[in-house]
Amino acid sequence: MSRRLVITICPREPGRVTLSLERGGPPVRLGAAEIARHLDALIARRDLAARVQVQQGCAGGCAGSGPNVSVTFYAMPPPGEKPDHVALGWRTYVESLATLPYLAKLIDENLDDEPERNRIAAEARRTSREAAPSRRRRPAR
């Protein structure tokens, strides 16, 4: 299932974080406004405007140093239909944004759940094969 993301960044939190914008890039010091600006540019470069939106708002963790970000996942609507506002899930980056290897990871790790679902399914198949009794027939005596 394809996801639609809404990334919420609180503009009121004064904290700053240092991380690369994209994989392998040099680290940059970022506040909430810079994070929003760089994510908007990344979305435009990757042509993801139909699937990813950045907005200002409360992202939780108001007492923390920030910047705090939350990502909400929604199902992609069928072509021609309006998107709904029923969240499939969400992830918050309250005082943990600096643990990401790069800023674009906000999009990369949240946009599609297919790789994770495939990994979980492969692990389940492997585990069930290991746990299942052998189906080989024993030779008759």
C-alpha atoms as a PDB file:
ATOM      1  CA  MET A   1       0.000   0.000   0.000  1.00  0.00           C
ATOM      2  CA  SER A   2       1.375   3.401  -0.895  1.00  0.00           C
ATOM      3  CA  ARG A   3       1.458   5.960   1.845  1.00  0.00           C
ATOM      4  CA  ARG A   4       0.831   9.661   1.940  1.00  0.00           C
ATOM      5  CA  LEU A   5       2.844  11.550   4.558  1.00  0.00           C
ATOM      6  CA  VAL A   6       2.158  14.721   6.458  1.00  0.00           C
ATOM      7  CA  ILE A   7       5.284  15.982   8.225  1.00  0.00           C
ATOM      8  CA  THR A   8       4.511  18.432  11.020  1.00  0.00           C
ATOM      9  CA  ILE A   9       7.230  20.728  12.310  1.00  0.00           C
ATOM     10  CA  CYS A  10       6.736  22.983  15.317  1.00  0.00           C
ATOM     11  CA  PRO A  11       7.987  26.471  14.431  1.00  0.00           C
ATOM     12  CA  ARG A  12       7.908  27.630  18.083  1.00  0.00           C
ATOM     13  CA  GLU A  13      10.662  25.355  19.354  1.00  0.00           C
ATOM     14  CA  PRO A  14      13.975  27.208  19.414  1.00  0.00           C
ATOM     15  CA  GLY A  15      16.290  24.190  19.386  1.00  0.00           C
ATOM     16  CA  ARG A  16      18.687  23.290  16.606  1.00  0.00           C
ATOM     17  CA  VAL A  17      20.039  19.977  15.376  1.00  0.00           C
ATOM     18  CA  THR A  18      23.095  19.090  13.297  1.00  0.00           C
ATOM     19  CA  LEU A  19      22.694  16.458  10.592  1.00  0.00           C
ATOM     20  CA  SER A  20      23.258  15.913   6.879  1.00  0.00           C
ATOM     21  CA  LEU A  21      20.473  16.875   4.508  1.00  0.00           C
ATOM     22  CA  GLU A  22      20.879  13.744   2.377  1.00  0.00           C
ATOM     23  CA  ARG A  23      22.893  10.542   2.621  1.00  0.00           C
ATOM     24  CA  GLY A  24      26.612  11.272   2.469  1.00  0.00           C
ATOM     25  CA  GLY A  25      26.216  15.051   2.637  1.00  0.00           C
ATOM     26  CA  PRO A  26      28.006  17.360   5.048  1.00  0.00           C
ATOM     27  CA  PRO A  27      26.296  18.018   8.390  1.00  0.00           C
ATOM     28  CA  VAL A  28      24.365  21.276   8.660  1.00  0.00           C
ATOM     29  CA  ARG A  29      22.948  23.030  11.732  1.00  0.00           C
ATOM     30  CA  LEU A  30      19.159  23.263  11.357  1.00  0.00           C
ATOM     31  CA  GLY A  31      16.286  24.882  13.209  1.00  0.00           C
ATOM     32  CA  ALA A  32      12.596  24.289  12.523  1.00  0.00           C
ATOM     33  CA  ALA A  33      12.388  26.820   9.661  1.00  0.00           C
ATOM     34  CA  GLU A  34      15.446  25.361   7.911  1.00  0.00           C
ATOM     35  CA  ILE A  35      14.150  21.820   8.321  1.00  0.00           C
ATOM     36  CA  ALA A  36      10.842  22.806   6.689  1.00  0.00           C
ATOM     37  CA  ARG A  37      12.621  24.643   3.863  1.00  0.00           C
ATOM     38  CA  HIS A  38      15.011  21.748   3.138  1.00  0.00           C
ATOM     39  CA  LEU A  39      12.223  19.151   3.259  1.00  0.00           C
ATOM     40  CA  ASP A  40      10.117  21.241   0.851  1.00  0.00           C
ATOM     41  CA  ALA A  41      13.085  21.449  -1.541  1.00  0.00           C
ATOM     42  CA  LEU A  42      13.709  17.705  -1.264  1.00  0.00           C
ATOM     43  CA  ILE A  43      10.034  16.948  -1.952  1.00  0.00           C
ATOM     44  CA  ALA A  44      10.136  19.150  -5.053  1.00  0.00           C
ATOM     45  CA  ARG A  45      13.408  17.588  -6.300  1.00  0.00           C
ATOM     46  CA  ARG A  46      12.022  14.070  -5.865  1.00  0.00           C
ATOM     47  CA  ASP A  47       8.626  14.996  -7.343  1.00  0.00           C
ATOM     48  CA  LEU A  48       6.801  13.826  -4.205  1.00  0.00           C
ATOM     49  CA  ALA A  49       4.359  16.718  -3.746  1.00  0.00           C
ATOM     50  CA  ALA A  50       1.365  14.414  -4.337  1.00  0.00           C
ATOM     51  CA  ARG A  51       2.534  12.104  -1.543  1.00  0.00           C
ATOM     52  CA  VAL A  52       4.398  14.236   1.010  1.00  0.00           C
ATOM     53  CA  GLN A  53       3.320  17.483   2.643  1.00  0.00           C
ATOM     54  CA  VAL A  54       5.131  19.637   5.222  1.00  0.00           C
ATOM     55  CA  GLN A  55       3.092  21.736   7.620  1.00  0.00           C
ATOM     56  CA  GLN A  56       3.639  23.869  10.704  1.00  0.00           C
ATOM     57  CA  GLY A  57       1.975  22.782  13.908  1.00  0.00           C
ATOM     58  CA  CYS A  58       2.435  21.082  17.230  1.00  0.00           C
ATOM     59  CA  ALA A  59       4.635  18.012  16.904  1.00  0.00           C
ATOM     60  CA  GLY A  60       4.572  17.163  20.611  1.00  0.00           C
ATOM     61  CA  GLY A  61       7.346  17.517  23.150  1.00  0.00           C
ATOM     62  CA  CYS A  62       6.815  21.221  23.782  1.00  0.00           C
ATOM     63  CA  ALA A  63       8.946  21.173  26.928  1.00  0.00           C
ATOM     64  CA  GLY A  64      11.876  19.655  25.032  1.00  0.00           C
ATOM     65  CA  SER A  65      14.676  21.478  23.302  1.00  0.00           C
ATOM     66  CA  GLY A  66      13.473  20.665  19.786  1.00  0.00           C
ATOM     67  CA  PRO A  67      13.229  20.958  16.934  1.00  0.00           C
ATOM     68  CA  ASN A  68      10.474  18.373  17.129  1.00  0.00           C
ATOM     69  CA  VAL A  69       8.866  16.710  14.143  1.00  0.00           C
ATOM     70  CA  SER A  70       6.030  14.238  13.707  1.00  0.00           C
ATOM     71  CA  VAL A  71       5.163  12.186  10.635  1.00  0.00           C
ATOM     72  CA  THR A  72       1.608  10.948  10.087  1.00  0.00           C
ATOM     73  CA  PHE A  73       0.896   8.194   7.538  1.00  0.00           C
ATOM     74  CA  TYR A  74      -2.280   8.084   5.461  1.00  0.00           C
ATOM     75  CA  ALA A  75      -3.372   5.763   2.673  1.00  0.00           C
ATOM     76  CA  MET A  76      -3.002   7.147  -0.838  1.00  0.00           C
ATOM     77  CA  PRO A  77      -6.455   7.815  -2.275  1.00  0.00           C
ATOM     78  CA  PRO A  78      -7.496   6.167  -5.535  1.00  0.00           C
ATOM     79  CA  PRO A  79      -6.917   8.368  -8.593  1.00  0.00           C
ATOM     80  CA  GLY A  80      -9.460  11.171  -8.798  1.00  0.00           C
ATOM     81  CA  GLU A  81     -10.624  10.839  -5.184  1.00  0.00           C
ATOM     82  CA  LYS A  82      -9.956  13.201  -2.294  1.00  0.00           C
ATOM     83  CA  PRO A  83      -7.612  11.975   0.438  1.00  0.00           C
ATOM     84  CA  ASP A  84      -9.152  11.063   3.765  1.00  0.00           C
ATOM     85  CA  HIS A  85      -7.825  12.164   7.124  1.00  0.00           C
ATOM     86  CA  VAL A  86      -7.806   8.803   8.880  1.00  0.00           C
ATOM     87  CA  ALA A  87      -4.259   8.141  10.017  1.00  0.00           C
ATOM     88  CA  LEU A  88      -2.823   4.672   9.511  1.00  0.00           C
ATOM     89  CA  GLY A  89      -0.063   5.487  11.965  1.00  0.00           C
ATOM     90  CA  TRP A  90       2.453   8.074  13.008  1.00  0.00           C
ATOM     91  CA  ARG A  91       5.964   8.479  14.252  1.00  0.00           C
ATOM     92  CA  THR A  92       7.343  11.288  16.385  1.00  0.00           C
ATOM     93  CA  TYR A  93      10.863  12.624  16.488  1.00  0.00           C
ATOM     94  CA  VAL A  94      10.697  14.434  19.820  1.00  0.00           C
ATOM     95  CA  GLU A  95      14.223  15.275  20.924  1.00  0.00           C
ATOM     96  CA  SER A  96      15.448  12.439  18.664  1.00  0.00           C
ATOM     97  CA  LEU A  97      15.851  14.107  15.277  1.00  0.00           C
ATOM     98  CA  ALA A  98      19.634  14.187  15.744  1.00  0.00           C
ATOM     99  CA  THR A  99      19.702  10.374  15.831  1.00  0.00           C
ATOM    100  CA  LEU A 100      18.767  10.212  12.139  1.00  0.00           C
ATOM    101  CA  PRO A 101      21.733   9.713   9.796  1.00  0.00           C
ATOM    102  CA  TYR A 102      20.368  12.440   7.479  1.00  0.00           C
ATOM    103  CA  LEU A 103      17.274  14.663   7.211  1.00  0.00           C
ATOM    104  CA  ALA A 104      15.871  12.977   4.076  1.00  0.00           C
ATOM    105  CA  LYS A 105      15.559   9.786   6.166  1.00  0.00           C
ATOM    106  CA  LEU A 106      12.324  11.312   7.538  1.00  0.00           C
ATOM    107  CA  ILE A 107      10.835  10.667   4.112  1.00  0.00           C
ATOM    108  CA  ASP A 108      12.883   7.594   3.167  1.00  0.00           C
ATOM    109  CA  GLU A 109      11.948   5.520   6.218  1.00  0.00           C
ATOM    110  CA  ASN A 110       8.286   6.518   6.319  1.00  0.00           C
ATOM    111  CA  LEU A 111       7.046   6.851   2.750  1.00  0.00           C
ATOM    112  CA  ASP A 112       6.421   3.209   1.887  1.00  0.00           C
ATOM    113  CA  ASP A 113       5.848   0.291   4.173  1.00  0.00           C
ATOM    114  CA  GLU A 114       6.552  -2.331   1.483  1.00  0.00           C
ATOM    115  CA  PRO A 115      10.222  -2.981   2.371  1.00  0.00           C
ATOM    116  CA  GLU A 116       9.373  -3.421   6.039  1.00  0.00           C
ATOM    117  CA  ARG A 117       6.382  -5.626   5.277  1.00  0.00           C
ATOM    118  CA  ASN A 118       8.492  -7.731   2.920  1.00  0.00           C
ATOM    119  CA  ARG A 119      11.207  -8.082   5.569  1.00  0.00           C
ATOM    120  CA  ILE A 120       8.656  -9.139   8.207  1.00  0.00           C
ATOM    121  CA  ALA A 121       7.032 -11.646   5.827  1.00  0.00           C
ATOM    122  CA  ALA A 122      10.415 -13.140   4.872  1.00  0.00           C
ATOM    123  CA  GLU A 123      11.348 -13.452   8.543  1.00  0.00           C
ATOM    124  CA  ALA A 124       8.007 -15.142   9.306  1.00  0.00           C
ATOM    125  CA  ARG A 125       8.505 -17.638   6.449  1.00  0.00           C
ATOM    126  CA  ARG A 126      12.036 -18.418   7.607  1.00  0.00           C
ATOM    127  CA  THR A 127      10.902 -18.874  11.219  1.00  0.00           C
ATOM    128  CA  SER A 128       7.972 -21.123  10.253  1.00  0.00           C
ATOM    129  CA  ARG A 129      10.236 -23.307   8.080  1.00  0.00           C
ATOM    130  CA  GLU A 130      12.686 -23.695  10.939  1.00  0.00           C
ATOM    131  CA  ALA A 131       9.923 -24.533  13.427  1.00  0.00           C
ATOM    132  CA  ALA A 132       7.976 -26.896  11.154  1.00  0.00           C
ATOM    133  CA  PRO A 133       8.718 -30.608  11.465  1.00  0.00           C
ATOM    134  CA  SER A 134      10.499 -32.150   8.551  1.00  0.00           C
ATOM    135  CA  ARG A 135       8.096 -33.420   5.900  1.00  0.00           C
ATOM    136  CA  ARG A 136      10.494 -35.951   4.474  1.00  0.00           C
ATOM    137  CA  ARG A 137       9.227 -39.462   4.540  1.00  0.00           C
ATOM    138  CA  ARG A 138      11.250 -42.027   6.317  1.00  0.00           C
ATOM    139  CA  PRO A 139      12.042 -45.155   4.382  1.00  0.00           C
ATOM    140  CA  ALA A 140       9.785 -48.116   5.142  1.00  0.00           C
ATOM    141  CA  ARG A 141      11.380 -50.899   7.155  1.00  0.00           C
END
